[in-house]
């Protein structure tokens, strides 16, 4: 179960990063570090949030069946983007909040890693 959670979070992070302009200031891409950061943030959540977030993440992964007859983390990028977009615009607030949570964590980690790399590169 932990592996499936990690795979789903990884697929979410990679999908969000694909939506943003490329940075890669030093030619190195920080995708896996971003995924580790997001998973670590989940582990740091209080107990009363950790399990519900994990359960909604599993539901999100299973909902991939409606988009491509496969779990979200096994879908091709274009179907992942379609599923994320539909949850982003869903009528139910918790669905929108779920996407916003993971997108915010990913965005924070992505730009933190890449911007600090750019500063290190400029000081050389």
PDB file of N, CA and C in Angstrom:
ATOM      1  N   UNK A   1       0.823  -1.200   0.000  1.00  0.00           N
ATOM      2  CA  UNK A   1       0.000   0.000   0.000  1.00  0.00           C
ATOM      3  C   UNK A   1       0.864   1.260   0.000  1.00  0.00           C
ATOM      4  N   UNK A   2       1.961   1.240   0.752  1.00  0.00           N
ATOM      5  CA  UNK A   2       2.827   2.417   0.814  1.00  0.00           C
ATOM      6  C   UNK A   2       3.423   2.704  -0.564  1.00  0.00           C
ATOM      7  N   UNK A   3       3.781   1.666  -1.277  1.00  0.00           N
ATOM      8  CA  UNK A   3       4.358   1.846  -2.618  1.00  0.00           C
ATOM      9  C   UNK A   3       3.336   2.466  -3.568  1.00  0.00           C
ATOM     10  N   UNK A   4       2.098   2.020  -3.464  1.00  0.00           N
ATOM     11  CA  UNK A   4       1.047   2.571  -4.332  1.00  0.00           C
ATOM     12  C   UNK A   4       0.804   4.044  -4.018  1.00  0.00           C
ATOM     13  N   UNK A   5       0.820   4.390  -2.739  1.00  0.00           N
ATOM     14  CA  UNK A   5       0.680   5.787  -2.348  1.00  0.00           C
ATOM     15  C   UNK A   5       1.830   6.611  -2.931  1.00  0.00           C
ATOM     16  N   UNK A   6       3.053   6.123  -2.762  1.00  0.00           N
ATOM     17  CA  UNK A   6       4.225   6.834  -3.295  1.00  0.00           C
ATOM     18  C   UNK A   6       4.146   6.984  -4.814  1.00  0.00           C
ATOM     19  N   UNK A   7       3.701   5.939  -5.507  1.00  0.00           N
ATOM     20  CA  UNK A   7       3.577   6.003  -6.969  1.00  0.00           C
ATOM     21  C   UNK A   7       2.533   7.036  -7.394  1.00  0.00           C
ATOM     22  N   UNK A   8       1.443   7.110  -6.653  1.00  0.00           N
ATOM     23  CA  UNK A   8       0.389   8.074  -6.987  1.00  0.00           C
ATOM     24  C   UNK A   8       0.872   9.498  -6.745  1.00  0.00           C
ATOM     25  N   UNK A   9       1.528   9.715  -5.627  1.00  0.00           N
ATOM     26  CA  UNK A   9       2.070  11.048  -5.334  1.00  0.00           C
ATOM     27  C   UNK A   9       3.107  11.427  -6.385  1.00  0.00           C
ATOM     28  N   UNK A  10       3.945  10.493  -6.758  1.00  0.00           N
ATOM     29  CA  UNK A  10       4.947  10.748  -7.792  1.00  0.00           C
ATOM     30  C   UNK A  10       4.285  11.141  -9.111  1.00  0.00           C
ATOM     31  N   UNK A  11       3.262  10.412  -9.503  1.00  0.00           N
ATOM     32  CA  UNK A  11       2.562  10.717 -10.751  1.00  0.00           C
ATOM     33  C   UNK A  11       1.909  12.100 -10.685  1.00  0.00           C
ATOM     34  N   UNK A  12       1.353  12.440  -9.539  1.00  0.00           N
ATOM     35  CA  UNK A  12       0.768  13.773  -9.362  1.00  0.00           C
ATOM     36  C   UNK A  12       1.833  14.856  -9.507  1.00  0.00           C
ATOM     37  N   UNK A  13       2.946  14.689  -8.824  1.00  0.00           N
ATOM     38  CA  UNK A  13       4.017  15.690  -8.877  1.00  0.00           C
ATOM     39  C   UNK A  13       4.542  15.864 -10.299  1.00  0.00           C
ATOM     40  N   UNK A  14       4.821  14.764 -10.959  1.00  0.00           N
ATOM     41  CA  UNK A  14       5.318  14.843 -12.338  1.00  0.00           C
ATOM     42  C   UNK A  14       4.291  15.520 -13.249  1.00  0.00           C
ATOM     43  N   UNK A  15       3.015  15.266 -13.023  1.00  0.00           N
ATOM     44  CA  UNK A  15       1.965  15.873 -13.842  1.00  0.00           C
ATOM     45  C   UNK A  15       1.907  17.382 -13.628  1.00  0.00           C
ATOM     46  N   UNK A  16       2.026  17.811 -12.373  1.00  0.00           N
ATOM     47  CA  UNK A  16       2.009  19.247 -12.107  1.00  0.00           C
ATOM     48  C   UNK A  16       3.239  19.924 -12.705  1.00  0.00           C
ATOM     49  N   UNK A  17       4.399  19.328 -12.522  1.00  0.00           N
ATOM     50  CA  UNK A  17       5.635  19.909 -13.044  1.00  0.00           C
ATOM     51  C   UNK A  17       5.557  20.054 -14.560  1.00  0.00           C
ATOM     52  N   UNK A  18       4.919  19.107 -15.228  1.00  0.00           N
ATOM     53  CA  UNK A  18       4.791  19.155 -16.694  1.00  0.00           C
ATOM     54  C   UNK A  18       3.949  20.353 -17.143  1.00  0.00           C
ATOM     55  N   UNK A  19       3.087  20.872 -16.259  1.00  0.00           N
ATOM     56  CA  UNK A  19       2.239  22.013 -16.613  1.00  0.00           C
ATOM     57  C   UNK A  19       2.982  23.349 -16.566  1.00  0.00           C
ATOM     58  N   UNK A  20       4.126  23.393 -15.883  1.00  0.00           N
ATOM     59  CA  UNK A  20       4.827  24.656 -15.665  1.00  0.00           C
ATOM     60  C   UNK A  20       5.984  24.818 -16.633  1.00  0.00           C
ATOM     61  N   UNK A  21       6.411  26.062 -16.816  1.00  0.00           N
ATOM     62  CA  UNK A  21       7.552  26.284 -17.719  1.00  0.00           C
ATOM     63  C   UNK A  21       8.805  25.598 -17.179  1.00  0.00           C
ATOM     64  N   UNK A  22       9.622  25.060 -18.060  1.00  0.00           N
ATOM     65  CA  UNK A  22      10.824  24.368 -17.600  1.00  0.00           C
ATOM     66  C   UNK A  22      11.812  25.341 -16.960  1.00  0.00           C
ATOM     67  N   UNK A  23      12.448  24.892 -15.891  1.00  0.00           N
ATOM     68  CA  UNK A  23      13.456  25.722 -15.234  1.00  0.00           C
ATOM     69  C   UNK A  23      14.831  25.117 -15.459  1.00  0.00           C
ATOM     70  N   UNK A  24      15.102  23.972 -14.815  1.00  0.00           N
ATOM     71  CA  UNK A  24      16.364  23.252 -15.000  1.00  0.00           C
ATOM     72  C   UNK A  24      17.563  24.155 -15.187  1.00  0.00           C
ATOM     73  N   UNK A  25      17.730  25.144 -14.306  1.00  0.00           N
ATOM     74  CA  UNK A  25      18.768  26.163 -14.445  1.00  0.00           C
ATOM     75  C   UNK A  25      20.155  25.573 -14.669  1.00  0.00           C
ATOM     76  N   UNK A  26      20.471  24.527 -13.953  1.00  0.00           N
ATOM     77  CA  UNK A  26      21.809  23.950 -14.045  1.00  0.00           C
ATOM     78  C   UNK A  26      21.814  22.645 -14.847  1.00  0.00           C
ATOM     79  N   UNK A  27      20.762  22.419 -15.614  1.00  0.00           N
ATOM     80  CA  UNK A  27      20.690  21.219 -16.419  1.00  0.00           C
ATOM     81  C   UNK A  27      20.263  19.992 -15.636  1.00  0.00           C
ATOM     82  N   UNK A  28      20.007  20.160 -14.363  1.00  0.00           N
ATOM     83  CA  UNK A  28      19.592  19.054 -13.498  1.00  0.00           C
ATOM     84  C   UNK A  28      18.124  19.236 -13.159  1.00  0.00           C
ATOM     85  N   UNK A  29      17.391  18.161 -13.214  1.00  0.00           N
ATOM     86  CA  UNK A  29      15.971  18.248 -12.917  1.00  0.00           C
ATOM     87  C   UNK A  29      15.696  17.595 -11.574  1.00  0.00           C
ATOM     88  N   UNK A  30      14.907  18.261 -10.750  1.00  0.00           N
ATOM     89  CA  UNK A  30      14.710  17.878  -9.363  1.00  0.00           C
ATOM     90  C   UNK A  30      13.411  17.118  -9.122  1.00  0.00           C
ATOM     91  N   UNK A  31      12.888  16.444 -10.107  1.00  0.00           N
ATOM     92  CA  UNK A  31      11.599  15.764  -9.978  1.00  0.00           C
ATOM     93  C   UNK A  31      11.538  14.829  -8.769  1.00  0.00           C
ATOM     94  N   UNK A  32      12.516  13.954  -8.649  1.00  0.00           N
ATOM     95  CA  UNK A  32      12.480  12.968  -7.562  1.00  0.00           C
ATOM     96  C   UNK A  32      12.636  13.616  -6.196  1.00  0.00           C
ATOM     97  N   UNK A  33      13.426  14.680  -6.112  1.00  0.00           N
ATOM     98  CA  UNK A  33      13.559  15.398  -4.847  1.00  0.00           C
ATOM     99  C   UNK A  33      12.240  16.067  -4.466  1.00  0.00           C
ATOM    100  N   UNK A  34      11.528  16.567  -5.451  1.00  0.00           N
ATOM    101  CA  UNK A  34      10.219  17.171  -5.196  1.00  0.00           C
ATOM    102  C   UNK A  34       9.253  16.110  -4.677  1.00  0.00           C
ATOM    103  N   UNK A  35       9.246  14.953  -5.297  1.00  0.00           N
ATOM    104  CA  UNK A  35       8.371  13.857  -4.862  1.00  0.00           C
ATOM    105  C   UNK A  35       8.698  13.471  -3.420  1.00  0.00           C
ATOM    106  N   UNK A  36       9.980  13.341  -3.109  1.00  0.00           N
ATOM    107  CA  UNK A  36      10.373  12.997  -1.732  1.00  0.00           C
ATOM    108  C   UNK A  36       9.907  14.071  -0.741  1.00  0.00           C
ATOM    109  N   UNK A  37      10.021  15.331  -1.133  1.00  0.00           N
ATOM    110  CA  UNK A  37       9.565  16.418  -0.260  1.00  0.00           C
ATOM    111  C   UNK A  37       8.069  16.302   0.023  1.00  0.00           C
ATOM    112  N   UNK A  38       7.276  16.066  -1.021  1.00  0.00           N
ATOM    113  CA  UNK A  38       5.821  15.972  -0.851  1.00  0.00           C
ATOM    114  C   UNK A  38       5.460  14.771   0.030  1.00  0.00           C
ATOM    115  N   UNK A  39       6.093  13.642  -0.191  1.00  0.00           N
ATOM    116  CA  UNK A  39       5.830  12.458   0.638  1.00  0.00           C
ATOM    117  C   UNK A  39       6.258  12.719   2.087  1.00  0.00           C
ATOM    118  N   UNK A  40       7.383  13.387   2.264  1.00  0.00           N
ATOM    119  CA  UNK A  40       7.830  13.723   3.626  1.00  0.00           C
ATOM    120  C   UNK A  40       6.838  14.644   4.323  1.00  0.00           C
ATOM    121  N   UNK A  41       6.261  15.577   3.577  1.00  0.00           N
ATOM    122  CA  UNK A  41       5.268  16.475   4.178  1.00  0.00           C
ATOM    123  C   UNK A  41       4.038  15.690   4.621  1.00  0.00           C
ATOM    124  N   UNK A  42       3.685  14.676   3.866  1.00  0.00           N
ATOM    125  CA  UNK A  42       2.556  13.830   4.274  1.00  0.00           C
ATOM    126  C   UNK A  42       2.886  13.112   5.581  1.00  0.00           C
ATOM    127  N   UNK A  43       4.113  12.614   5.701  1.00  0.00           N
ATOM    128  CA  UNK A  43       4.520  11.915   6.927  1.00  0.00           C
ATOM    129  C   UNK A  43       4.558  12.846   8.137  1.00  0.00           C
ATOM    130  N   UNK A  44       4.744  14.139   7.884  1.00  0.00           N
ATOM    131  CA  UNK A  44       4.803  15.111   8.978  1.00  0.00           C
ATOM    132  C   UNK A  44       3.426  15.617   9.409  1.00  0.00           C
ATOM    133  N   UNK A  45       2.398  15.261   8.662  1.00  0.00           N
ATOM    134  CA  UNK A  45       1.050  15.713   9.012  1.00  0.00           C
ATOM    135  C   UNK A  45       0.622  15.117  10.348  1.00  0.00           C
ATOM    136  N   UNK A  46      -0.263  15.817  11.043  1.00  0.00           N
ATOM    137  CA  UNK A  46      -0.804  15.226  12.275  1.00  0.00           C
ATOM    138  C   UNK A  46      -1.610  13.969  11.941  1.00  0.00           C
ATOM    139  N   UNK A  47      -1.717  13.093  12.918  1.00  0.00           N
ATOM    140  CA  UNK A  47      -2.403  11.813  12.717  1.00  0.00           C
ATOM    141  C   UNK A  47      -3.804  11.966  12.148  1.00  0.00           C
ATOM    142  N   UNK A  48      -4.535  12.969  12.620  1.00  0.00           N
ATOM    143  CA  UNK A  48      -5.924  13.119  12.178  1.00  0.00           C
ATOM    144  C   UNK A  48      -6.038  13.546  10.718  1.00  0.00           C
ATOM    145  N   UNK A  49      -4.950  14.000  10.101  1.00  0.00           N
ATOM    146  CA  UNK A  49      -4.964  14.351   8.673  1.00  0.00           C
ATOM    147  C   UNK A  49      -4.295  13.297   7.794  1.00  0.00           C
ATOM    148  N   UNK A  50      -3.292  12.637   8.331  1.00  0.00           N
ATOM    149  CA  UNK A  50      -2.483  11.719   7.526  1.00  0.00           C
ATOM    150  C   UNK A  50      -3.319  10.617   6.882  1.00  0.00           C
ATOM    151  N   UNK A  51      -4.148   9.941   7.659  1.00  0.00           N
ATOM    152  CA  UNK A  51      -4.950   8.842   7.120  1.00  0.00           C
ATOM    153  C   UNK A  51      -6.001   9.328   6.121  1.00  0.00           C
ATOM    154  N   UNK A  52      -6.777  10.390   6.419  1.00  0.00           N
ATOM    155  CA  UNK A  52      -7.745  10.852   5.417  1.00  0.00           C
ATOM    156  C   UNK A  52      -7.098  11.280   4.094  1.00  0.00           C
ATOM    157  N   UNK A  53      -5.945  11.943   4.158  1.00  0.00           N
ATOM    158  CA  UNK A  53      -5.266  12.350   2.923  1.00  0.00           C
ATOM    159  C   UNK A  53      -4.826  11.114   2.143  1.00  0.00           C
ATOM    160  N   UNK A  54      -4.331  10.118   2.848  1.00  0.00           N
ATOM    161  CA  UNK A  54      -3.910   8.879   2.183  1.00  0.00           C
ATOM    162  C   UNK A  54      -5.105   8.188   1.531  1.00  0.00           C
ATOM    163  N   UNK A  55      -6.239   8.163   2.225  1.00  0.00           N
ATOM    164  CA  UNK A  55      -7.437   7.517   1.678  1.00  0.00           C
ATOM    165  C   UNK A  55      -7.938   8.245   0.430  1.00  0.00           C
ATOM    166  N   UNK A  56      -7.965   9.561   0.470  1.00  0.00           N
ATOM    167  CA  UNK A  56      -8.414  10.325  -0.704  1.00  0.00           C
ATOM    168  C   UNK A  56      -7.429  10.134  -1.858  1.00  0.00           C
ATOM    169  N   UNK A  57      -6.155  10.019  -1.534  1.00  0.00           N
ATOM    170  CA  UNK A  57      -5.155   9.764  -2.582  1.00  0.00           C
ATOM    171  C   UNK A  57      -5.411   8.418  -3.254  1.00  0.00           C
ATOM    172  N   UNK A  58      -5.770   7.399  -2.476  1.00  0.00           N
ATOM    173  CA  UNK A  58      -6.109   6.097  -3.052  1.00  0.00           C
ATOM    174  C   UNK A  58      -7.373   6.185  -3.910  1.00  0.00           C
ATOM    175  N   UNK A  59      -8.365   6.929  -3.440  1.00  0.00           N
ATOM    176  CA  UNK A  59      -9.592   7.110  -4.225  1.00  0.00           C
ATOM    177  C   UNK A  59      -9.260   7.793  -5.547  1.00  0.00           C
ATOM    178  N   UNK A  60      -8.422   8.821  -5.483  1.00  0.00           N
ATOM    179  CA  UNK A  60      -8.004   9.522  -6.697  1.00  0.00           C
ATOM    180  C   UNK A  60      -7.313   8.554  -7.655  1.00  0.00           C
ATOM    181  N   UNK A  61      -6.443   7.719  -7.137  1.00  0.00           N
ATOM    182  CA  UNK A  61      -5.735   6.744  -7.967  1.00  0.00           C
ATOM    183  C   UNK A  61      -6.717   5.784  -8.629  1.00  0.00           C
ATOM    184  N   UNK A  62      -7.683   5.298  -7.867  1.00  0.00           N
ATOM    185  CA  UNK A  62      -8.680   4.365  -8.405  1.00  0.00           C
ATOM    186  C   UNK A  62      -9.555   5.037  -9.455  1.00  0.00           C
ATOM    187  N   UNK A  63      -9.837   6.322  -9.287  1.00  0.00           N
ATOM    188  CA  UNK A  63     -10.679   7.045 -10.256  1.00  0.00           C
ATOM    189  C   UNK A  63     -10.048   7.118 -11.644  1.00  0.00           C
ATOM    190  N   UNK A  64      -8.774   6.808 -11.735  1.00  0.00           N
ATOM    191  CA  UNK A  64      -8.130   6.748 -13.037  1.00  0.00           C
ATOM    192  C   UNK A  64      -8.789   5.740 -13.957  1.00  0.00           C
ATOM    193  N   UNK A  65      -9.473   4.778 -13.381  1.00  0.00           N
ATOM    194  CA  UNK A  65     -10.182   3.764 -14.166  1.00  0.00           C
ATOM    195  C   UNK A  65     -11.226   4.411 -15.074  1.00  0.00           C
ATOM    196  N   UNK A  66     -11.823   5.514 -14.615  1.00  0.00           N
ATOM    197  CA  UNK A  66     -12.839   6.203 -15.415  1.00  0.00           C
ATOM    198  C   UNK A  66     -12.238   6.987 -16.578  1.00  0.00           C
ATOM    199  N   UNK A  67     -10.958   7.228 -16.527  1.00  0.00           N
ATOM    200  CA  UNK A  67     -10.304   8.034 -17.564  1.00  0.00           C
ATOM    201  C   UNK A  67      -9.512   7.201 -18.553  1.00  0.00           C
ATOM    202  N   UNK A  68      -9.014   6.063 -18.134  1.00  0.00           N
ATOM    203  CA  UNK A  68      -8.204   5.265 -19.044  1.00  0.00           C
ATOM    204  C   UNK A  68      -8.130   3.798 -18.701  1.00  0.00           C
ATOM    205  N   UNK A  69      -9.125   3.310 -17.962  1.00  0.00           N
ATOM    206  CA  UNK A  69      -9.193   1.892 -17.578  1.00  0.00           C
ATOM    207  C   UNK A  69      -7.939   1.419 -16.863  1.00  0.00           C
ATOM    208  N   UNK A  70      -7.351   2.314 -16.098  1.00  0.00           N
ATOM    209  CA  UNK A  70      -6.160   1.970 -15.328  1.00  0.00           C
ATOM    210  C   UNK A  70      -6.083   2.905 -14.127  1.00  0.00           C
ATOM    211  N   UNK A  71      -5.264   2.552 -13.170  1.00  0.00           N
ATOM    212  CA  UNK A  71      -5.045   3.431 -12.028  1.00  0.00           C
ATOM    213  C   UNK A  71      -4.349   4.708 -12.494  1.00  0.00           C
ATOM    214  N   UNK A  72      -4.571   5.791 -11.767  1.00  0.00           N
ATOM    215  CA  UNK A  72      -4.010   7.091 -12.162  1.00  0.00           C
ATOM    216  C   UNK A  72      -2.512   7.005 -12.407  1.00  0.00           C
ATOM    217  N   UNK A  73      -1.790   6.377 -11.507  1.00  0.00           N
ATOM    218  CA  UNK A  73      -0.330   6.370 -11.642  1.00  0.00           C
ATOM    219  C   UNK A  73       0.154   5.545 -12.829  1.00  0.00           C
ATOM    220  N   UNK A  74      -0.732   4.771 -13.450  1.00  0.00           N
ATOM    221  CA  UNK A  74      -0.369   4.000 -14.648  1.00  0.00           C
ATOM    222  C   UNK A  74      -0.858   4.647 -15.940  1.00  0.00           C
ATOM    223  N   UNK A  75      -1.582   5.746 -15.846  1.00  0.00           N
ATOM    224  CA  UNK A  75      -2.119   6.410 -17.034  1.00  0.00           C
ATOM    225  C   UNK A  75      -1.035   7.175 -17.782  1.00  0.00           C
ATOM    226  N   UNK A  76      -1.209   7.376 -19.095  1.00  0.00           N
ATOM    227  CA  UNK A  76      -0.285   8.241 -19.834  1.00  0.00           C
ATOM    228  C   UNK A  76      -0.493   9.699 -19.399  1.00  0.00           C
ATOM    229  N   UNK A  77       0.495  10.541 -19.608  1.00  0.00           N
ATOM    230  CA  UNK A  77       0.437  11.933 -19.134  1.00  0.00           C
ATOM    231  C   UNK A  77      -0.807  12.715 -19.560  1.00  0.00           C
ATOM    232  N   UNK A  78      -1.271  12.519 -20.777  1.00  0.00           N
ATOM    233  CA  UNK A  78      -2.433  13.301 -21.244  1.00  0.00           C
ATOM    234  C   UNK A  78      -3.713  12.918 -20.489  1.00  0.00           C
ATOM    235  N   UNK A  79      -3.867  11.646 -20.134  1.00  0.00           N
ATOM    236  CA  UNK A  79      -5.040  11.225 -19.351  1.00  0.00           C
ATOM    237  C   UNK A  79      -4.908  11.636 -17.892  1.00  0.00           C
ATOM    238  N   UNK A  80      -3.692  11.647 -17.393  1.00  0.00           N
ATOM    239  CA  UNK A  80      -3.478  12.160 -16.036  1.00  0.00           C
ATOM    240  C   UNK A  80      -3.898  13.625 -15.956  1.00  0.00           C
ATOM    241  N   UNK A  81      -3.469  14.389 -16.953  1.00  0.00           N
ATOM    242  CA  UNK A  81      -3.807  15.819 -16.979  1.00  0.00           C
ATOM    243  C   UNK A  81      -5.320  16.014 -17.039  1.00  0.00           C
ATOM    244  N   UNK A  82      -6.006  15.169 -17.800  1.00  0.00           N
ATOM    245  CA  UNK A  82      -7.465  15.249 -17.899  1.00  0.00           C
ATOM    246  C   UNK A  82      -8.123  14.963 -16.547  1.00  0.00           C
ATOM    247  N   UNK A  83      -7.650  13.948 -15.843  1.00  0.00           N
ATOM    248  CA  UNK A  83      -8.212  13.618 -14.535  1.00  0.00           C
ATOM    249  C   UNK A  83      -7.945  14.749 -13.533  1.00  0.00           C
ATOM    250  N   UNK A  84      -6.743  15.264 -13.511  1.00  0.00           N
ATOM    251  CA  UNK A  84      -6.416  16.362 -12.595  1.00  0.00           C
ATOM    252  C   UNK A  84      -7.300  17.566 -12.889  1.00  0.00           C
ATOM    253  N   UNK A  85      -7.459  17.868 -14.153  1.00  0.00           N
ATOM    254  CA  UNK A  85      -8.283  19.020 -14.534  1.00  0.00           C
ATOM    255  C   UNK A  85      -9.736  18.831 -14.107  1.00  0.00           C
ATOM    256  N   UNK A  86     -10.264  17.633 -14.226  1.00  0.00           N
ATOM    257  CA  UNK A  86     -11.651  17.405 -13.830  1.00  0.00           C
ATOM    258  C   UNK A  86     -11.811  17.510 -12.317  1.00  0.00           C
ATOM    259  N   UNK A  87     -10.829  17.073 -11.550  1.00  0.00           N
ATOM    260  CA  UNK A  87     -10.891  17.224 -10.093  1.00  0.00           C
ATOM    261  C   UNK A  87     -10.680  18.689  -9.707  1.00  0.00           C
ATOM    262  N   UNK A  88      -9.873  19.385 -10.463  1.00  0.00           N
ATOM    263  CA  UNK A  88      -9.610  20.801 -10.185  1.00  0.00           C
ATOM    264  C   UNK A  88     -10.888  21.637 -10.342  1.00  0.00           C
ATOM    265  N   UNK A  89     -11.766  21.207 -11.241  1.00  0.00           N
ATOM    266  CA  UNK A  89     -13.003  21.951 -11.519  1.00  0.00           C
ATOM    267  C   UNK A  89     -14.248  21.262 -10.965  1.00  0.00           C
ATOM    268  N   UNK A  90     -14.067  20.283 -10.104  1.00  0.00           N
ATOM    269  CA  UNK A  90     -15.191  19.503  -9.564  1.00  0.00           C
ATOM    270  C   UNK A  90     -16.111  20.373  -8.716  1.00  0.00           C
ATOM    271  N   UNK A  91     -17.346  19.944  -8.618  1.00  0.00           N
ATOM    272  CA  UNK A  91     -18.314  20.657  -7.774  1.00  0.00           C
ATOM    273  C   UNK A  91     -18.029  20.457  -6.293  1.00  0.00           C
ATOM    274  N   UNK A  92     -17.473  19.313  -5.955  1.00  0.00           N
ATOM    275  CA  UNK A  92     -17.190  19.018  -4.553  1.00  0.00           C
ATOM    276  C   UNK A  92     -15.883  19.687  -4.123  1.00  0.00           C
ATOM    277  N   UNK A  93     -15.974  20.503  -3.096  1.00  0.00           N
ATOM    278  CA  UNK A  93     -14.810  21.216  -2.593  1.00  0.00           C
ATOM    279  C   UNK A  93     -13.642  20.325  -2.193  1.00  0.00           C
ATOM    280  N   UNK A  94     -13.891  19.189  -1.517  1.00  0.00           N
ATOM    281  CA  UNK A  94     -12.758  18.338  -1.140  1.00  0.00           C
ATOM    282  C   UNK A  94     -11.944  17.832  -2.338  1.00  0.00           C
ATOM    283  N   UNK A  95     -12.582  17.642  -3.470  1.00  0.00           N
ATOM    284  CA  UNK A  95     -11.845  17.209  -4.662  1.00  0.00           C
ATOM    285  C   UNK A  95     -10.916  18.331  -5.132  1.00  0.00           C
ATOM    286  N   UNK A  96     -11.436  19.549  -5.161  1.00  0.00           N
ATOM    287  CA  UNK A  96     -10.618  20.704  -5.552  1.00  0.00           C
ATOM    288  C   UNK A  96      -9.494  20.930  -4.549  1.00  0.00           C
ATOM    289  N   UNK A  97      -9.814  20.782  -3.266  1.00  0.00           N
ATOM    290  CA  UNK A  97      -8.809  20.977  -2.217  1.00  0.00           C
ATOM    291  C   UNK A  97      -7.700  19.936  -2.289  1.00  0.00           C
ATOM    292  N   UNK A  98      -8.066  18.714  -2.648  1.00  0.00           N
ATOM    293  CA  UNK A  98      -7.079  17.649  -2.801  1.00  0.00           C
ATOM    294  C   UNK A  98      -6.043  18.035  -3.852  1.00  0.00           C
ATOM    295  N   UNK A  99      -6.510  18.483  -5.006  1.00  0.00           N
ATOM    296  CA  UNK A  99      -5.592  18.882  -6.073  1.00  0.00           C
ATOM    297  C   UNK A  99      -4.770  20.088  -5.630  1.00  0.00           C
ATOM    298  N   UNK A 100      -5.414  21.035  -4.985  1.00  0.00           N
ATOM    299  CA  UNK A 100      -4.714  22.243  -4.529  1.00  0.00           C
ATOM    300  C   UNK A 100      -3.614  21.906  -3.516  1.00  0.00           C
ATOM    301  N   UNK A 101      -3.876  20.961  -2.629  1.00  0.00           N
ATOM    302  CA  UNK A 101      -2.881  20.552  -1.641  1.00  0.00           C
ATOM    303  C   UNK A 101      -1.619  20.029  -2.321  1.00  0.00           C
ATOM    304  N   UNK A 102      -1.794  19.046  -3.183  1.00  0.00           N
ATOM    305  CA  UNK A 102      -0.630  18.453  -3.836  1.00  0.00           C
ATOM    306  C   UNK A 102       0.041  19.422  -4.802  1.00  0.00           C
ATOM    307  N   UNK A 103      -0.747  20.231  -5.479  1.00  0.00           N
ATOM    308  CA  UNK A 103      -0.159  21.202  -6.404  1.00  0.00           C
ATOM    309  C   UNK A 103       0.662  22.244  -5.637  1.00  0.00           C
ATOM    310  N   UNK A 104       0.164  22.699  -4.508  1.00  0.00           N
ATOM    311  CA  UNK A 104       0.885  23.699  -3.710  1.00  0.00           C
ATOM    312  C   UNK A 104       2.198  23.148  -3.179  1.00  0.00           C
ATOM    313  N   UNK A 105       2.166  21.937  -2.646  1.00  0.00           N
ATOM    314  CA  UNK A 105       3.401  21.330  -2.143  1.00  0.00           C
ATOM    315  C   UNK A 105       4.415  21.121  -3.263  1.00  0.00           C
ATOM    316  N   UNK A 106       3.928  20.669  -4.406  1.00  0.00           N
ATOM    317  CA  UNK A 106       4.810  20.441  -5.552  1.00  0.00           C
ATOM    318  C   UNK A 106       5.402  21.750  -6.041  1.00  0.00           C
ATOM    319  N   UNK A 107       4.569  22.752  -6.160  1.00  0.00           N
ATOM    320  CA  UNK A 107       5.018  24.067  -6.629  1.00  0.00           C
ATOM    321  C   UNK A 107       6.082  24.641  -5.697  1.00  0.00           C
ATOM    322  N   UNK A 108       5.831  24.566  -4.401  1.00  0.00           N
ATOM    323  CA  UNK A 108       6.786  25.075  -3.425  1.00  0.00           C
ATOM    324  C   UNK A 108       8.134  24.376  -3.565  1.00  0.00           C
ATOM    325  N   UNK A 109       8.110  23.053  -3.596  1.00  0.00           N
ATOM    326  CA  UNK A 109       9.361  22.297  -3.679  1.00  0.00           C
ATOM    327  C   UNK A 109      10.071  22.522  -5.009  1.00  0.00           C
ATOM    328  N   UNK A 110       9.324  22.544  -6.094  1.00  0.00           N
ATOM    329  CA  UNK A 110       9.914  22.700  -7.429  1.00  0.00           C
ATOM    330  C   UNK A 110      10.652  24.021  -7.570  1.00  0.00           C
ATOM    331  N   UNK A 111       9.998  25.105  -7.205  1.00  0.00           N
ATOM    332  CA  UNK A 111      10.625  26.411  -7.354  1.00  0.00           C
ATOM    333  C   UNK A 111      11.698  26.642  -6.299  1.00  0.00           C
ATOM    334  N   UNK A 112      11.562  26.062  -5.130  1.00  0.00           N
ATOM    335  CA  UNK A 112      12.614  26.177  -4.109  1.00  0.00           C
ATOM    336  C   UNK A 112      13.895  25.512  -4.597  1.00  0.00           C
ATOM    337  N   UNK A 113      13.772  24.313  -5.113  1.00  0.00           N
ATOM    338  CA  UNK A 113      14.948  23.584  -5.594  1.00  0.00           C
ATOM    339  C   UNK A 113      15.588  24.286  -6.783  1.00  0.00           C
ATOM    340  N   UNK A 114      14.783  24.667  -7.752  1.00  0.00           N
ATOM    341  CA  UNK A 114      15.326  25.252  -8.965  1.00  0.00           C
ATOM    342  C   UNK A 114      15.856  26.659  -8.746  1.00  0.00           C
ATOM    343  N   UNK A 115      15.191  27.451  -7.925  1.00  0.00           N
ATOM    344  CA  UNK A 115      15.663  28.814  -7.678  1.00  0.00           C
ATOM    345  C   UNK A 115      16.936  28.804  -6.852  1.00  0.00           C
ATOM    346  N   UNK A 116      17.047  27.917  -5.890  1.00  0.00           N
ATOM    347  CA  UNK A 116      18.289  27.842  -5.111  1.00  0.00           C
ATOM    348  C   UNK A 116      19.436  27.357  -6.004  1.00  0.00           C
ATOM    349  N   UNK A 117      19.134  26.498  -6.965  1.00  0.00           N
ATOM    350  CA  UNK A 117      20.166  26.051  -7.917  1.00  0.00           C
ATOM    351  C   UNK A 117      20.607  27.214  -8.788  1.00  0.00           C
ATOM    352  N   UNK A 118      19.669  28.083  -9.181  1.00  0.00           N
ATOM    353  CA  UNK A 118      20.006  29.228 -10.012  1.00  0.00           C
ATOM    354  C   UNK A 118      20.896  30.199  -9.247  1.00  0.00           C
ATOM    355  N   UNK A 119      20.612  30.402  -7.962  1.00  0.00           N
ATOM    356  CA  UNK A 119      21.438  31.302  -7.135  1.00  0.00           C
ATOM    357  C   UNK A 119      22.837  30.730  -6.989  1.00  0.00           C
ATOM    358  N   UNK A 120      22.936  29.425  -6.743  1.00  0.00           N
ATOM    359  CA  UNK A 120      24.253  28.789  -6.625  1.00  0.00           C
ATOM    360  C   UNK A 120      25.040  28.939  -7.925  1.00  0.00           C
ATOM    361  N   UNK A 121      24.354  28.828  -9.049  1.00  0.00           N
ATOM    362  CA  UNK A 121      25.010  28.915 -10.339  1.00  0.00           C
ATOM    363  C   UNK A 121      25.507  30.342 -10.606  1.00  0.00           C
ATOM    364  N   UNK A 122      24.714  31.346 -10.178  1.00  0.00           N
ATOM    365  CA  UNK A 122      25.104  32.745 -10.402  1.00  0.00           C
ATOM    366  C   UNK A 122      26.293  33.147  -9.548  1.00  0.00           C
ATOM    367  N   UNK A 123      26.454  32.546  -8.387  1.00  0.00           N
ATOM    368  CA  UNK A 123      27.554  32.912  -7.501  1.00  0.00           C
ATOM    369  C   UNK A 123      28.872  32.265  -7.887  1.00  0.00           C
ATOM    370  N   UNK A 124      28.853  31.371  -8.829  1.00  0.00           N
ATOM    371  CA  UNK A 124      30.108  30.705  -9.277  1.00  0.00           C
ATOM    372  C   UNK A 124      30.910  31.632 -10.154  1.00  0.00           C
TER     373      UNK A 124
END
